[in-house]
Amino acid sequence: MLQSMTGFGSAVLDTTKLSISVEVKTLNSKFSDIYCRMPRSFSNREIDIRNLLTKELERGKMELNLNVVPKDEESAGTTVNRPLVKAYFRDLMATAGELGIVATPTEVLRMATMMPNSYNTNALSQDESEEEWKLILSVINQAILKCKEFRRQEGDVTKKKFEEYTNIIENLLEQVIELDPKRIPAIREKLEKSMGDWMQSDNFDKNRFEQELIFYVEKFDISEEKVRLKNHLDYFRKELEIASNGKKLNFIAQEIGREINTIGSKANDSGIQRLVVQMKDELEKIKEQTMNIL
């Protein structure tokens, strides 16, 4: 099953102490590009989260948003250091008065709360911290699972597009196969008409002319290219069924393009060249979609 690199997943968990919400977004990228937005108190867990995202989502541009909101004062873990803030406030007001500055209490209080050690942080115990992290990790995993499901759904849509594009190319190839038998005789006839006067000359060597004509016509032969193009299309479809990765699909698409280009350069026929242009158009759609496959 194909997986797109475009995905989204979210999960929420409410407990008596915490409200946890997680969002995971992914976009296509050649490499793993991870951005985590989370409370500063969990910055020591960022490496663990990055490793988890890389393991589960493999590659792409990934963004994780983690929001943890305490529901009570005990869970918040941070309180105002009131005695110290009061001391800061009194001292700042007195200093302003000595300097003859009219200071508003609101502004002075704001400055006091920004001074060092204005807040007390009540660190959780080791057991409490681990228990809290387990809850958060479970929510992160739920969001990742939903993101992966989103990727699979997008992959199914893309697979149908691939099948549509390859079928169009194959139908165009069938039209090329129908036109091809008429092409070589037409080229031969055109050459003979162009060299009509010279062929009537006494110095004309018919056997040599036939040899040169065969050699010339062989340069326009596209039999091998038609077979290889059909094989590449079949190989591409086979890879779709075994959940191939985007890099391999893109490589096969390049091989398909090589055969299409060769047919176009050898065709020497306006009808076939028009079909080649249409095949190239469908191939560009394939290449564009392979860039978004995991």
Protein backbone atom coordinates (compact mmCIF):
# COMPACT_ATOMS: atom_id res chain seq x y z
CA MET A 1 0.00 0.00 0.00
CA LEU A 2 1.41 3.38 -1.02
CA GLN A 3 1.84 6.11 1.56
CA SER A 4 1.78 9.82 0.82
CA MET A 5 4.09 12.17 2.69
CA THR A 6 1.14 14.53 3.22
CA GLY A 7 -0.61 13.74 6.48
CA PHE A 8 -2.36 15.12 9.55
CA GLY A 9 -3.32 13.61 12.88
CA SER A 10 -4.53 14.99 16.21
CA ALA A 11 -5.38 13.54 19.62
CA VAL A 12 -6.66 14.89 22.94
CA LEU A 13 -6.65 13.52 26.49
CA ASP A 14 -8.26 15.09 29.57
CA THR A 15 -7.44 13.88 33.07
CA THR A 16 -8.22 15.31 36.49
CA LYS A 17 -4.86 17.09 36.47
CA LEU A 18 -3.97 17.74 32.84
CA SER A 19 -5.42 18.59 29.45
CA ILE A 20 -3.15 17.24 26.69
CA SER A 21 -3.52 17.94 22.97
CA VAL A 22 -1.21 16.93 20.11
CA GLU A 23 -1.18 17.72 16.39
CA VAL A 24 1.14 16.10 13.83
CA LYS A 25 1.45 17.50 10.31
CA THR A 26 3.64 16.17 7.50
CA LEU A 27 4.51 17.40 4.00
CA ASN A 28 6.73 16.06 1.26
CA SER A 29 10.51 16.50 1.53
CA LYS A 30 13.53 14.55 0.34
CA PHE A 31 14.84 14.28 3.89
CA SER A 32 13.59 14.27 7.48
CA ASP A 33 12.87 17.85 8.54
CA ILE A 34 11.35 17.93 12.04
CA TYR A 35 9.98 20.92 13.96
CA CYS A 36 8.59 20.51 17.49
CA ARG A 37 6.55 23.13 19.31
CA MET A 38 6.07 22.23 22.98
CA PRO A 39 6.14 23.70 26.50
CA ARG A 40 9.64 24.56 27.68
CA SER A 41 9.23 22.24 30.65
CA PHE A 42 9.31 19.26 28.24
CA SER A 43 12.32 20.39 26.20
CA ASN A 44 14.36 17.52 27.67
CA ARG A 45 11.97 15.12 25.86
CA GLU A 46 12.40 16.67 22.41
CA ILE A 47 15.07 14.18 21.29
CA ASP A 48 12.79 11.28 22.26
CA ILE A 49 9.95 12.82 20.24
CA ARG A 50 12.18 13.42 17.22
CA ASN A 51 13.40 9.81 17.29
CA LEU A 52 9.79 8.58 17.52
CA LEU A 53 8.69 10.71 14.56
CA THR A 54 11.64 9.53 12.45
CA LYS A 55 10.93 5.90 13.30
CA GLU A 56 7.18 6.02 12.62
CA LEU A 57 6.95 8.55 9.77
CA GLU A 58 10.38 7.89 8.16
CA ARG A 59 10.85 11.06 6.14
CA GLY A 60 9.23 14.30 5.08
CA LYS A 61 8.71 17.69 6.65
CA MET A 62 7.17 16.95 10.06
CA GLU A 63 5.65 19.37 12.57
CA LEU A 64 4.49 18.39 16.06
CA ASN A 65 2.50 20.73 18.31
CA LEU A 66 2.21 19.64 21.95
CA ASN A 67 0.05 21.57 24.40
CA VAL A 68 -0.17 20.59 28.08
CA VAL A 69 -2.47 22.64 30.35
CA PRO A 70 -2.54 21.96 34.12
CA LYS A 71 -6.03 21.94 35.67
CA ASP A 72 -5.11 22.78 39.26
CA GLU A 73 -2.44 24.74 41.13
CA GLU A 74 -0.64 21.60 42.28
CA SER A 75 -0.31 20.32 38.74
CA ALA A 76 0.85 23.69 37.45
CA GLY A 77 4.06 23.30 39.42
CA THR A 78 4.80 27.06 39.36
CA THR A 79 3.65 29.71 41.89
CA VAL A 80 4.46 33.36 42.49
CA ASN A 81 7.14 33.98 45.13
CA ARG A 82 4.94 36.51 46.93
CA PRO A 83 7.34 37.63 49.73
CA LEU A 84 10.10 38.32 47.24
CA VAL A 85 7.79 40.05 44.72
CA LYS A 86 6.42 42.27 47.54
CA ALA A 87 9.97 43.20 48.53
CA TYR A 88 10.80 44.02 44.90
CA PHE A 89 7.62 46.11 44.63
CA ARG A 90 8.31 48.17 47.78
CA ASP A 91 11.91 48.77 46.82
CA LEU A 92 11.05 49.82 43.25
CA MET A 93 8.32 52.21 44.46
CA ALA A 94 10.70 53.74 47.00
CA THR A 95 13.42 54.10 44.37
CA ALA A 96 11.00 55.80 41.98
CA GLY A 97 9.94 58.21 44.75
CA GLU A 98 13.55 59.10 45.58
CA LEU A 99 14.18 59.83 41.90
CA GLY A 100 11.04 61.95 41.62
CA ILE A 101 9.47 59.58 39.11
CA VAL A 102 5.71 59.08 39.15
CA ALA A 103 5.31 55.32 38.72
CA THR A 104 1.99 53.49 38.47
CA PRO A 105 1.60 50.47 40.79
CA THR A 106 0.60 48.27 37.83
CA GLU A 107 3.80 49.01 35.94
CA VAL A 108 5.95 48.54 39.04
CA LEU A 109 4.26 45.19 39.79
CA ARG A 110 4.93 44.04 36.23
CA MET A 111 8.61 44.90 36.67
CA ALA A 112 8.71 43.15 40.04
CA THR A 113 7.38 39.90 38.57
CA MET A 114 10.15 40.00 35.94
CA MET A 115 12.93 40.14 38.54
CA PRO A 116 15.05 37.04 39.34
CA ASN A 117 13.45 34.25 41.41
CA SER A 118 9.99 35.82 41.25
CA TYR A 119 8.47 32.37 40.70
CA ASN A 120 8.76 29.13 42.62
CA THR A 121 8.90 25.96 40.55
CA ASN A 122 7.71 22.87 42.33
CA ALA A 123 9.45 20.04 40.55
CA LEU A 124 7.54 16.79 40.25
CA SER A 125 8.99 13.66 41.74
CA GLN A 126 10.66 11.17 39.43
CA ASP A 127 7.67 8.82 39.56
CA GLU A 128 5.18 11.64 38.95
CA SER A 129 7.24 12.96 36.05
CA GLU A 130 7.44 9.53 34.40
CA GLU A 131 3.72 8.94 34.86
CA GLU A 132 2.92 12.30 33.31
CA TRP A 133 5.25 11.60 30.37
CA LYS A 134 3.62 8.21 29.73
CA LEU A 135 0.26 9.96 29.36
CA ILE A 136 1.71 12.55 27.00
CA LEU A 137 3.51 9.88 24.97
CA SER A 138 0.30 7.89 24.56
CA VAL A 139 -1.42 10.98 23.09
CA ILE A 140 1.54 11.59 20.75
CA ASN A 141 1.32 8.00 19.53
CA GLN A 142 -2.41 8.36 18.87
CA ALA A 143 -1.79 11.48 16.77
CA ILE A 144 0.97 9.70 14.83
CA LEU A 145 -1.32 6.73 14.11
CA LYS A 146 -3.99 9.05 12.74
CA CYS A 147 -1.37 10.83 10.63
CA LYS A 148 -0.21 7.49 9.19
CA GLU A 149 -3.82 6.55 8.37
CA PHE A 150 -4.23 9.90 6.62
CA ARG A 151 -1.06 9.13 4.64
CA ARG A 152 -2.41 5.73 3.60
CA GLN A 153 -5.68 7.26 2.41
CA GLU A 154 -3.76 9.85 0.38
CA GLY A 155 -1.59 7.04 -0.97
CA ASP A 156 -4.68 5.17 -2.23
CA VAL A 157 -5.85 8.28 -4.07
CA THR A 158 -2.42 8.74 -5.62
CA LYS A 159 -2.27 5.07 -6.65
CA LYS A 160 -5.48 5.49 -8.65
CA LYS A 161 -3.95 8.51 -10.37
CA PHE A 162 -0.83 6.52 -11.23
CA GLU A 163 -2.96 3.76 -12.73
CA GLU A 164 -4.91 6.31 -14.75
CA TYR A 165 -1.74 7.95 -16.12
CA THR A 166 -0.01 4.65 -16.99
CA ASN A 167 -3.15 3.38 -18.74
CA ILE A 168 -3.26 6.52 -20.88
CA ILE A 169 0.42 6.07 -21.82
CA GLU A 170 -0.20 2.43 -22.69
CA ASN A 171 -3.19 3.36 -24.87
CA LEU A 172 -1.05 5.92 -26.67
CA LEU A 173 1.63 3.25 -27.13
CA GLU A 174 -0.95 0.99 -28.76
CA GLN A 175 -1.70 3.77 -31.24
CA VAL A 176 2.03 4.09 -31.94
CA ILE A 177 2.18 0.33 -32.60
CA GLU A 178 -0.70 0.66 -35.09
CA LEU A 179 0.99 3.51 -36.97
CA ASP A 180 4.48 2.02 -36.98
CA PRO A 181 4.07 -0.57 -39.83
CA LYS A 182 3.03 2.19 -42.24
CA ARG A 183 5.97 4.38 -41.34
CA ILE A 184 8.98 2.46 -42.73
CA PRO A 185 7.51 1.85 -46.23
CA ALA A 186 6.64 5.55 -46.37
CA ILE A 187 10.22 6.49 -45.49
CA ARG A 188 11.57 4.08 -48.12
CA GLU A 189 9.25 5.45 -50.78
CA LYS A 190 10.21 9.01 -49.95
CA LEU A 191 13.92 8.21 -50.27
CA GLU A 192 13.45 6.45 -53.60
CA LYS A 193 11.54 9.42 -55.01
CA SER A 194 14.19 11.83 -53.80
CA MET A 195 16.92 9.79 -55.52
CA GLY A 196 14.96 8.94 -58.66
CA ASP A 197 17.28 10.68 -61.14
CA TRP A 198 20.43 9.25 -59.61
CA MET A 199 18.97 5.72 -59.69
CA GLN A 200 18.66 6.01 -63.48
CA SER A 201 22.39 6.75 -63.80
CA ASP A 202 24.76 4.15 -65.33
CA ASN A 203 26.95 4.38 -62.24
CA PHE A 204 24.10 3.40 -59.94
CA ASP A 205 24.82 0.26 -57.85
CA LYS A 206 21.47 -1.19 -56.88
CA ASN A 207 22.91 -3.70 -54.38
CA ARG A 208 24.90 -1.00 -52.59
CA PHE A 209 21.86 1.23 -52.55
CA GLU A 210 19.76 -1.51 -50.94
CA GLN A 211 22.41 -2.06 -48.27
CA GLU A 212 22.61 1.65 -47.47
CA LEU A 213 18.83 1.92 -47.47
CA ILE A 214 18.47 -0.97 -45.01
CA PHE A 215 21.11 0.59 -42.75
CA TYR A 216 19.36 3.97 -42.93
CA VAL A 217 15.92 2.55 -42.24
CA GLU A 218 17.19 0.53 -39.26
CA LYS A 219 18.10 3.82 -37.58
CA PHE A 220 14.38 4.60 -37.47
CA ASP A 221 13.37 1.22 -36.05
CA ILE A 222 11.56 1.55 -32.68
CA SER A 223 10.70 -2.10 -32.09
CA GLU A 224 12.96 -2.44 -29.03
CA GLU A 225 11.78 0.86 -27.56
CA LYS A 226 8.12 -0.21 -27.82
CA VAL A 227 8.84 -3.48 -25.99
CA ARG A 228 10.92 -1.80 -23.28
CA LEU A 229 8.30 0.91 -22.73
CA LYS A 230 5.58 -1.71 -22.27
CA ASN A 231 7.81 -3.61 -19.80
CA HIS A 232 8.54 -0.45 -17.81
CA LEU A 233 4.83 0.34 -17.55
CA ASP A 234 4.12 -3.19 -16.31
CA TYR A 235 6.98 -2.91 -13.81
CA PHE A 236 5.61 0.41 -12.55
CA ARG A 237 2.17 -1.12 -11.95
CA LYS A 238 3.74 -4.08 -10.17
CA GLU A 239 5.56 -1.75 -7.79
CA LEU A 240 2.27 0.01 -7.01
CA GLU A 241 0.86 -3.27 -5.73
CA ILE A 242 3.77 -3.99 -3.37
CA ALA A 243 3.80 -0.52 -1.78
CA SER A 244 7.00 0.67 -3.38
CA ASN A 245 8.67 3.89 -2.28
CA GLY A 246 8.62 7.19 -4.13
CA LYS A 247 12.30 7.10 -5.04
CA LYS A 248 11.99 3.79 -6.86
CA LEU A 249 8.83 4.84 -8.65
CA ASN A 250 10.57 8.01 -9.79
CA PHE A 251 13.50 5.96 -11.11
CA ILE A 252 11.13 3.75 -13.16
CA ALA A 253 9.40 6.90 -14.44
CA GLN A 254 12.79 8.15 -15.68
CA GLU A 255 13.26 4.89 -17.60
CA ILE A 256 9.78 5.27 -19.10
CA GLY A 257 10.72 8.79 -20.16
CA ARG A 258 13.94 7.59 -21.78
CA GLU A 259 12.03 5.16 -24.03
CA ILE A 260 9.39 7.76 -24.90
CA ASN A 261 12.09 10.27 -25.88
CA THR A 262 13.87 7.71 -28.05
CA ILE A 263 10.64 6.83 -29.86
CA GLY A 264 10.07 10.53 -30.49
CA SER A 265 13.57 11.11 -31.84
CA LYS A 266 13.43 8.04 -34.15
CA ALA A 267 9.84 8.35 -35.29
CA ASN A 268 10.25 10.70 -38.26
CA ASP A 269 6.46 10.66 -38.38
CA SER A 270 4.17 13.53 -37.36
CA GLY A 271 1.40 11.21 -36.12
CA ILE A 272 3.70 9.28 -33.80
CA GLN A 273 5.38 12.45 -32.57
CA ARG A 274 2.00 13.89 -31.56
CA LEU A 275 1.35 10.73 -29.54
CA VAL A 276 4.80 11.05 -27.95
CA VAL A 277 3.98 14.60 -26.81
CA GLN A 278 0.81 13.29 -25.13
CA MET A 279 2.79 10.50 -23.43
CA LYS A 280 5.29 13.04 -22.09
CA ASP A 281 2.44 15.08 -20.65
CA GLU A 282 1.11 12.07 -18.70
CA LEU A 283 4.63 11.14 -17.60
CA GLU A 284 5.17 14.60 -16.07
CA LYS A 285 2.05 14.03 -13.96
CA ILE A 286 3.54 10.74 -12.75
CA LYS A 287 6.87 12.33 -11.86
CA GLU A 288 5.12 15.11 -9.95
CA GLN A 289 3.13 12.61 -7.88
CA THR A 290 6.15 10.39 -7.10
CA MET A 291 7.72 13.34 -5.25
CA ASN A 292 4.96 13.07 -2.64
CA ILE A 293 5.21 9.31 -2.08
CA LEU A 294 7.03 8.08 1.01
